[in-house]
N, C-alpha and C. Protein backbone atom coordinates (compact mmCIF):
# COMPACT_ATOMS: atom_id res chain seq x y z
N MET A 1 266.65 73.70 13.62
CA MET A 1 267.63 73.52 12.56
C MET A 1 266.91 72.98 11.32
N GLU A 2 267.02 73.67 10.22
CA GLU A 2 266.38 73.29 8.97
C GLU A 2 267.27 72.32 8.20
N ARG A 3 266.73 71.21 7.78
CA ARG A 3 267.47 70.24 6.99
C ARG A 3 267.45 70.61 5.52
N MET A 4 268.55 70.40 4.86
CA MET A 4 268.61 70.65 3.42
C MET A 4 267.91 69.49 2.71
N THR A 5 267.24 69.77 1.61
CA THR A 5 266.50 68.74 0.90
C THR A 5 267.39 67.76 0.18
N GLY A 6 268.66 68.06 0.00
CA GLY A 6 269.58 67.18 -0.69
C GLY A 6 270.16 66.08 0.20
N PHE A 7 269.69 65.97 1.43
CA PHE A 7 270.22 65.00 2.36
C PHE A 7 269.11 64.14 2.96
N LYS A 8 269.48 62.95 3.41
CA LYS A 8 268.55 62.08 4.12
C LYS A 8 269.30 61.43 5.27
N GLN A 9 268.55 60.90 6.22
CA GLN A 9 269.17 60.24 7.36
C GLN A 9 268.99 58.73 7.23
N VAL A 10 270.09 58.00 7.40
CA VAL A 10 270.05 56.54 7.40
C VAL A 10 270.72 56.06 8.68
N TYR A 11 270.52 54.79 9.00
CA TYR A 11 271.14 54.22 10.19
C TYR A 11 272.15 53.18 9.75
N CYS A 12 273.33 53.21 10.35
CA CYS A 12 274.40 52.27 10.04
C CYS A 12 273.94 50.85 10.32
N THR A 13 274.22 49.93 9.40
CA THR A 13 273.84 48.53 9.58
C THR A 13 274.75 47.80 10.55
N TYR A 14 275.84 48.42 10.98
CA TYR A 14 276.77 47.79 11.90
C TYR A 14 276.67 48.36 13.32
N CYS A 15 276.74 49.71 13.45
CA CYS A 15 276.71 50.31 14.79
C CYS A 15 275.35 50.93 15.12
N PHE A 16 274.43 50.97 14.15
CA PHE A 16 273.05 51.44 14.32
C PHE A 16 272.95 52.92 14.66
N GLN A 17 274.01 53.69 14.42
CA GLN A 17 273.99 55.12 14.67
C GLN A 17 273.48 55.86 13.44
N PRO A 18 272.79 57.00 13.62
CA PRO A 18 272.29 57.75 12.47
C PRO A 18 273.43 58.43 11.71
N CYS A 19 273.27 58.51 10.39
CA CYS A 19 274.23 59.17 9.52
C CYS A 19 273.45 60.02 8.52
N GLU A 20 273.90 61.22 8.25
CA GLU A 20 273.27 62.06 7.26
C GLU A 20 274.06 61.92 5.96
N VAL A 21 273.35 61.60 4.87
CA VAL A 21 274.00 61.33 3.59
C VAL A 21 273.28 62.08 2.48
N GLY A 22 273.97 62.29 1.38
CA GLY A 22 273.36 62.91 0.21
C GLY A 22 272.32 61.98 -0.39
N ARG A 23 271.25 62.54 -0.90
CA ARG A 23 270.15 61.73 -1.47
C ARG A 23 270.60 60.86 -2.63
N ARG A 24 271.60 61.27 -3.37
CA ARG A 24 272.05 60.52 -4.54
C ARG A 24 273.24 59.62 -4.25
N ALA A 25 273.73 59.61 -3.02
CA ALA A 25 274.90 58.78 -2.67
C ALA A 25 274.54 57.30 -2.76
N MET A 26 275.50 56.48 -3.19
CA MET A 26 275.28 55.04 -3.29
C MET A 26 275.98 54.28 -2.18
N SER A 27 277.03 54.87 -1.60
CA SER A 27 277.70 54.27 -0.46
C SER A 27 278.50 55.35 0.26
N ILE A 28 278.75 55.11 1.54
CA ILE A 28 279.55 56.02 2.35
C ILE A 28 280.30 55.19 3.37
N PHE A 29 281.21 55.83 4.09
CA PHE A 29 281.82 55.21 5.26
C PHE A 29 281.15 55.83 6.48
N CYS A 30 280.70 54.99 7.40
CA CYS A 30 280.02 55.46 8.60
C CYS A 30 280.97 56.35 9.38
N PRO A 31 280.55 57.57 9.76
CA PRO A 31 281.44 58.44 10.54
C PRO A 31 281.66 57.94 11.96
N ASN A 32 280.85 56.99 12.43
CA ASN A 32 280.97 56.48 13.80
C ASN A 32 281.88 55.25 13.88
N CYS A 33 281.61 54.23 13.05
CA CYS A 33 282.39 52.99 13.13
C CYS A 33 283.35 52.79 11.95
N ARG A 34 283.30 53.68 10.96
CA ARG A 34 284.20 53.68 9.81
C ARG A 34 284.00 52.50 8.85
N LYS A 35 282.88 51.79 8.94
CA LYS A 35 282.63 50.70 8.00
C LYS A 35 281.85 51.23 6.80
N ARG A 36 282.00 50.54 5.67
CA ARG A 36 281.34 50.96 4.43
C ARG A 36 279.86 50.61 4.49
N LEU A 37 279.02 51.58 4.15
CA LEU A 37 277.58 51.37 4.12
C LEU A 37 277.09 51.45 2.68
N ILE A 38 276.28 50.48 2.29
CA ILE A 38 275.64 50.49 0.98
C ILE A 38 274.29 51.19 1.17
N LEU A 39 273.97 52.14 0.32
CA LEU A 39 272.75 52.92 0.44
C LEU A 39 271.72 52.56 -0.62
N GLU A 40 272.06 51.67 -1.53
CA GLU A 40 271.21 51.34 -2.66
C GLU A 40 270.00 50.49 -2.27
N ASP A 41 268.96 50.61 -3.09
CA ASP A 41 267.82 49.70 -3.01
C ASP A 41 268.12 48.53 -3.94
N TYR A 42 267.66 47.33 -3.57
CA TYR A 42 267.88 46.15 -4.40
C TYR A 42 266.55 45.58 -4.85
N LYS A 43 266.48 45.21 -6.12
CA LYS A 43 265.33 44.52 -6.69
C LYS A 43 265.88 43.23 -7.28
N ILE A 44 265.55 42.10 -6.65
CA ILE A 44 266.16 40.83 -7.03
C ILE A 44 265.16 40.02 -7.84
N LYS A 45 265.57 39.65 -9.07
CA LYS A 45 264.67 38.99 -10.00
C LYS A 45 265.08 37.57 -10.34
N SER A 46 266.21 37.09 -9.78
CA SER A 46 266.68 35.74 -10.07
C SER A 46 267.31 35.16 -8.81
N TYR A 47 267.98 34.02 -8.94
CA TYR A 47 268.61 33.37 -7.78
C TYR A 47 269.79 34.20 -7.32
N HIS A 48 269.87 34.42 -6.02
CA HIS A 48 270.92 35.26 -5.44
C HIS A 48 271.32 34.66 -4.09
N ALA A 49 272.47 34.00 -4.03
CA ALA A 49 272.94 33.40 -2.78
C ALA A 49 274.26 34.06 -2.39
N VAL A 50 274.26 34.72 -1.24
CA VAL A 50 275.45 35.37 -0.71
C VAL A 50 275.47 35.17 0.79
N ARG A 51 276.59 35.43 1.41
CA ARG A 51 276.69 35.30 2.86
C ARG A 51 275.82 36.34 3.55
N GLU A 52 275.93 37.60 3.08
CA GLU A 52 275.13 38.66 3.69
C GLU A 52 274.77 39.72 2.66
N LEU A 53 273.62 40.31 2.85
CA LEU A 53 273.12 41.37 2.00
C LEU A 53 272.72 42.51 2.94
N PHE A 54 273.64 43.43 3.16
CA PHE A 54 273.41 44.55 4.09
C PHE A 54 273.27 45.82 3.28
N THR A 55 272.20 46.56 3.49
CA THR A 55 271.97 47.83 2.82
C THR A 55 271.14 48.73 3.72
N CYS A 56 271.35 50.02 3.58
CA CYS A 56 270.52 50.99 4.29
C CYS A 56 269.27 51.31 3.47
N GLY A 57 269.13 50.67 2.32
CA GLY A 57 267.99 50.87 1.44
C GLY A 57 266.96 49.76 1.60
N ASP A 58 266.09 49.65 0.62
CA ASP A 58 265.02 48.65 0.63
C ASP A 58 265.38 47.48 -0.28
N VAL A 59 264.90 46.29 0.08
CA VAL A 59 265.13 45.09 -0.72
C VAL A 59 263.78 44.54 -1.16
N VAL A 60 263.65 44.25 -2.45
CA VAL A 60 262.44 43.64 -2.99
C VAL A 60 262.86 42.37 -3.71
N VAL A 61 262.27 41.24 -3.29
CA VAL A 61 262.51 39.96 -3.96
C VAL A 61 261.29 39.73 -4.85
N GLU A 62 261.49 39.83 -6.16
CA GLU A 62 260.40 39.70 -7.12
C GLU A 62 259.89 38.26 -7.19
N LYS A 63 258.79 38.02 -7.93
CA LYS A 63 258.15 36.70 -7.99
C LYS A 63 259.11 35.60 -8.43
N ARG A 64 259.97 35.89 -9.38
CA ARG A 64 260.94 34.88 -9.85
C ARG A 64 262.25 34.93 -9.07
N GLY A 65 262.34 35.82 -8.11
CA GLY A 65 263.54 35.96 -7.30
C GLY A 65 263.62 34.90 -6.22
N HIS A 66 264.85 34.51 -5.88
CA HIS A 66 265.11 33.53 -4.83
C HIS A 66 266.40 33.96 -4.14
N VAL A 67 266.30 34.34 -2.87
CA VAL A 67 267.45 34.84 -2.14
C VAL A 67 267.76 33.91 -0.98
N VAL A 68 269.05 33.56 -0.85
CA VAL A 68 269.54 32.82 0.31
C VAL A 68 270.66 33.68 0.88
N ALA A 69 270.36 34.35 2.01
CA ALA A 69 271.33 35.28 2.59
C ALA A 69 270.88 35.75 3.95
N ASN A 70 271.83 36.25 4.72
CA ASN A 70 271.56 36.99 5.94
C ASN A 70 271.29 38.42 5.48
N VAL A 71 270.07 38.93 5.70
CA VAL A 71 269.68 40.23 5.16
C VAL A 71 269.46 41.23 6.28
N MET A 72 270.03 42.43 6.09
CA MET A 72 269.79 43.55 6.97
C MET A 72 269.49 44.73 6.05
N ALA A 73 268.28 45.32 6.19
CA ALA A 73 267.86 46.38 5.29
C ALA A 73 266.90 47.33 5.99
N GLN A 74 266.57 48.41 5.29
CA GLN A 74 265.57 49.33 5.82
C GLN A 74 264.20 48.64 5.82
N SER A 75 263.82 48.05 4.68
CA SER A 75 262.58 47.28 4.60
C SER A 75 262.77 46.16 3.59
N LEU A 76 261.88 45.16 3.66
CA LEU A 76 261.98 43.99 2.78
C LEU A 76 260.60 43.62 2.31
N THR A 77 260.47 43.38 1.00
CA THR A 77 259.23 42.88 0.42
C THR A 77 259.57 41.57 -0.28
N VAL A 78 258.85 40.50 0.08
CA VAL A 78 259.10 39.18 -0.50
C VAL A 78 257.91 38.79 -1.36
N LYS A 79 258.14 38.75 -2.68
CA LYS A 79 257.12 38.28 -3.62
C LYS A 79 257.49 36.90 -4.14
N GLY A 80 258.77 36.55 -4.01
CA GLY A 80 259.29 35.26 -4.46
C GLY A 80 259.68 34.40 -3.27
N ARG A 81 260.93 33.89 -3.27
CA ARG A 81 261.40 33.02 -2.18
C ARG A 81 262.58 33.66 -1.48
N MET A 82 262.57 33.55 -0.15
CA MET A 82 263.62 34.14 0.69
C MET A 82 263.95 33.17 1.80
N LYS A 83 265.25 32.93 2.00
CA LYS A 83 265.69 32.04 3.08
C LYS A 83 266.86 32.68 3.79
N GLY A 84 266.74 32.81 5.10
CA GLY A 84 267.82 33.35 5.91
C GLY A 84 267.29 34.29 6.97
N PRO A 85 268.11 34.61 7.96
CA PRO A 85 267.68 35.55 9.00
C PRO A 85 267.60 36.97 8.43
N ILE A 86 266.61 37.73 8.92
CA ILE A 86 266.36 39.07 8.38
C ILE A 86 266.20 40.07 9.51
N GLN A 87 266.84 41.22 9.36
CA GLN A 87 266.64 42.35 10.25
C GLN A 87 266.26 43.54 9.39
N ALA A 88 265.18 44.22 9.77
CA ALA A 88 264.75 45.41 9.04
C ALA A 88 264.39 46.50 10.03
N ARG A 89 264.79 47.72 9.72
CA ARG A 89 264.44 48.85 10.58
C ARG A 89 262.98 49.24 10.37
N GLY A 90 262.41 48.86 9.24
CA GLY A 90 261.02 49.19 8.93
C GLY A 90 260.17 47.92 8.86
N VAL A 91 259.39 47.83 7.80
CA VAL A 91 258.42 46.74 7.65
C VAL A 91 259.00 45.60 6.80
N ILE A 92 258.62 44.39 7.15
CA ILE A 92 258.87 43.22 6.31
C ILE A 92 257.49 42.80 5.80
N ARG A 93 257.36 42.72 4.48
CA ARG A 93 256.08 42.37 3.86
C ARG A 93 256.26 41.11 3.03
N VAL A 94 255.38 40.13 3.24
CA VAL A 94 255.38 38.90 2.45
C VAL A 94 254.06 38.88 1.69
N THR A 95 254.13 38.93 0.36
CA THR A 95 252.91 38.97 -0.45
C THR A 95 252.34 37.56 -0.60
N LYS A 96 251.19 37.46 -1.22
CA LYS A 96 250.51 36.17 -1.35
C LYS A 96 251.32 35.17 -2.17
N THR A 97 252.24 35.63 -3.02
CA THR A 97 253.09 34.72 -3.80
C THR A 97 254.43 34.46 -3.11
N GLY A 98 254.65 35.09 -1.96
CA GLY A 98 255.94 35.01 -1.28
C GLY A 98 256.08 33.82 -0.36
N GLU A 99 257.34 33.40 -0.18
CA GLU A 99 257.69 32.31 0.74
C GLU A 99 258.93 32.76 1.51
N LEU A 100 258.81 32.82 2.83
CA LEU A 100 259.89 33.30 3.68
C LEU A 100 260.22 32.25 4.73
N VAL A 101 261.48 31.80 4.74
CA VAL A 101 261.95 30.83 5.72
C VAL A 101 263.12 31.46 6.46
N GLY A 102 262.94 31.72 7.74
CA GLY A 102 263.99 32.31 8.54
C GLY A 102 263.42 33.20 9.62
N ASP A 103 264.23 33.48 10.62
CA ASP A 103 263.82 34.34 11.72
C ASP A 103 263.87 35.79 11.26
N VAL A 104 262.89 36.59 11.71
CA VAL A 104 262.82 37.98 11.30
C VAL A 104 262.75 38.90 12.51
N GLU A 105 263.32 40.09 12.35
CA GLU A 105 263.29 41.12 13.36
C GLU A 105 263.00 42.43 12.64
N ALA A 106 261.91 43.10 13.03
CA ALA A 106 261.51 44.33 12.35
C ALA A 106 260.57 45.14 13.24
N THR A 107 260.20 46.32 12.77
CA THR A 107 259.23 47.12 13.52
C THR A 107 257.81 46.66 13.21
N SER A 108 257.60 46.02 12.05
CA SER A 108 256.30 45.43 11.75
C SER A 108 256.47 44.35 10.69
N LEU A 109 255.50 43.43 10.69
CA LEU A 109 255.51 42.31 9.75
C LEU A 109 254.12 42.19 9.16
N ALA A 110 254.04 42.18 7.83
CA ALA A 110 252.76 42.05 7.13
C ALA A 110 252.82 40.80 6.26
N ILE A 111 251.92 39.86 6.53
CA ILE A 111 251.88 38.61 5.76
C ILE A 111 250.50 38.50 5.12
N GLU A 112 250.47 38.51 3.79
CA GLU A 112 249.20 38.42 3.08
C GLU A 112 248.67 36.99 3.10
N LYS A 113 247.37 36.84 2.94
CA LYS A 113 246.74 35.54 2.88
C LYS A 113 247.30 34.77 1.68
N GLY A 114 247.72 33.54 1.92
CA GLY A 114 248.32 32.72 0.86
C GLY A 114 249.83 32.69 0.91
N ALA A 115 250.45 33.59 1.64
CA ALA A 115 251.91 33.62 1.76
C ALA A 115 252.36 32.49 2.68
N LYS A 116 253.63 32.10 2.54
CA LYS A 116 254.20 31.06 3.39
C LYS A 116 255.29 31.67 4.26
N PHE A 117 255.27 31.34 5.56
CA PHE A 117 256.27 31.86 6.49
C PHE A 117 256.62 30.78 7.49
N ASP A 118 257.91 30.53 7.69
CA ASP A 118 258.38 29.57 8.68
C ASP A 118 259.56 30.19 9.40
N GLY A 119 259.34 30.58 10.66
CA GLY A 119 260.41 31.20 11.43
C GLY A 119 259.86 31.88 12.67
N PHE A 120 260.75 32.47 13.43
CA PHE A 120 260.39 33.21 14.63
C PHE A 120 260.37 34.70 14.30
N VAL A 121 259.55 35.44 15.05
CA VAL A 121 259.39 36.87 14.80
C VAL A 121 259.73 37.65 16.06
N ARG A 122 260.46 38.75 15.89
CA ARG A 122 260.70 39.68 16.99
C ARG A 122 260.34 41.06 16.47
N ILE A 123 259.36 41.68 17.10
CA ILE A 123 258.91 43.00 16.71
C ILE A 123 259.54 44.02 17.66
N ASN A 124 260.25 44.99 17.10
CA ASN A 124 260.91 46.04 17.88
C ASN A 124 260.13 47.33 17.78
N ALA A 125 260.34 48.21 18.73
CA ALA A 125 259.75 49.54 18.66
C ALA A 125 260.40 50.30 17.51
N PRO A 126 259.66 51.20 16.87
CA PRO A 126 260.27 51.99 15.79
C PRO A 126 261.43 52.82 16.32
N PRO A 127 262.41 53.13 15.45
CA PRO A 127 263.55 53.94 15.91
C PRO A 127 263.08 55.31 16.36
N PRO A 128 263.75 55.90 17.34
CA PRO A 128 263.33 57.22 17.82
C PRO A 128 263.56 58.28 16.76
N GLU A 129 262.69 59.30 16.77
CA GLU A 129 262.85 60.40 15.82
C GLU A 129 263.91 61.35 16.36
N PRO A 130 264.63 62.04 15.47
CA PRO A 130 265.64 62.99 15.93
C PRO A 130 265.00 64.06 16.81
N ALA A 131 265.70 64.45 17.88
CA ALA A 131 265.16 65.40 18.85
C ALA A 131 265.13 66.82 18.32
N ASP A 132 265.93 67.14 17.29
CA ASP A 132 266.01 68.51 16.81
C ASP A 132 264.97 68.86 15.76
N GLN A 133 264.00 67.95 15.47
CA GLN A 133 262.98 68.21 14.47
C GLN A 133 261.60 67.90 15.04
N PRO A 134 260.58 68.62 14.54
CA PRO A 134 259.23 68.23 14.93
C PRO A 134 258.88 66.90 14.30
N PRO A 135 258.00 66.07 14.91
CA PRO A 135 257.70 64.73 14.40
C PRO A 135 257.25 64.70 12.95
N SER A 136 256.49 65.65 12.48
CA SER A 136 256.01 65.63 11.10
C SER A 136 257.14 65.85 10.10
N ALA A 137 258.15 66.63 10.44
CA ALA A 137 259.27 66.90 9.52
C ALA A 137 260.18 65.70 9.41
N ALA A 138 260.29 64.88 10.44
CA ALA A 138 261.19 63.73 10.41
C ALA A 138 260.67 62.63 9.49
N ARG A 139 259.37 62.59 9.22
CA ARG A 139 258.80 61.51 8.39
C ARG A 139 258.87 61.79 6.91
N LYS A 140 259.20 63.00 6.52
CA LYS A 140 259.19 63.37 5.09
C LYS A 140 260.37 62.83 4.37
């Protein structure tokens, strides 16, 4: 089955089931659990305190950024300050200017020399690739 280039696959942040969405979509309702999914990437440059920050996209906390939240995202890059539990389907990266306080769960964790980290880590296996595609096509 050939995939159309105007679509991408994301995983629901609530039921963890795969969903196919348009590349330009900003939000959808999960066809499995019917909850609203945010598909946007976030770039945080200032203080941001919320109960939860759930997105199927990527989150970047810039050098002057400071986030206090429960975060669930595709990937997370911390260049500034981050406090709260984090779940990522991909990589969590803490740069040399970053400070991360909280428990993390991801497929990989990269901490640069000079970065600060205080918390527990749980590394999960990467999500399985769809069975209807060859492995190289699923990564594009």
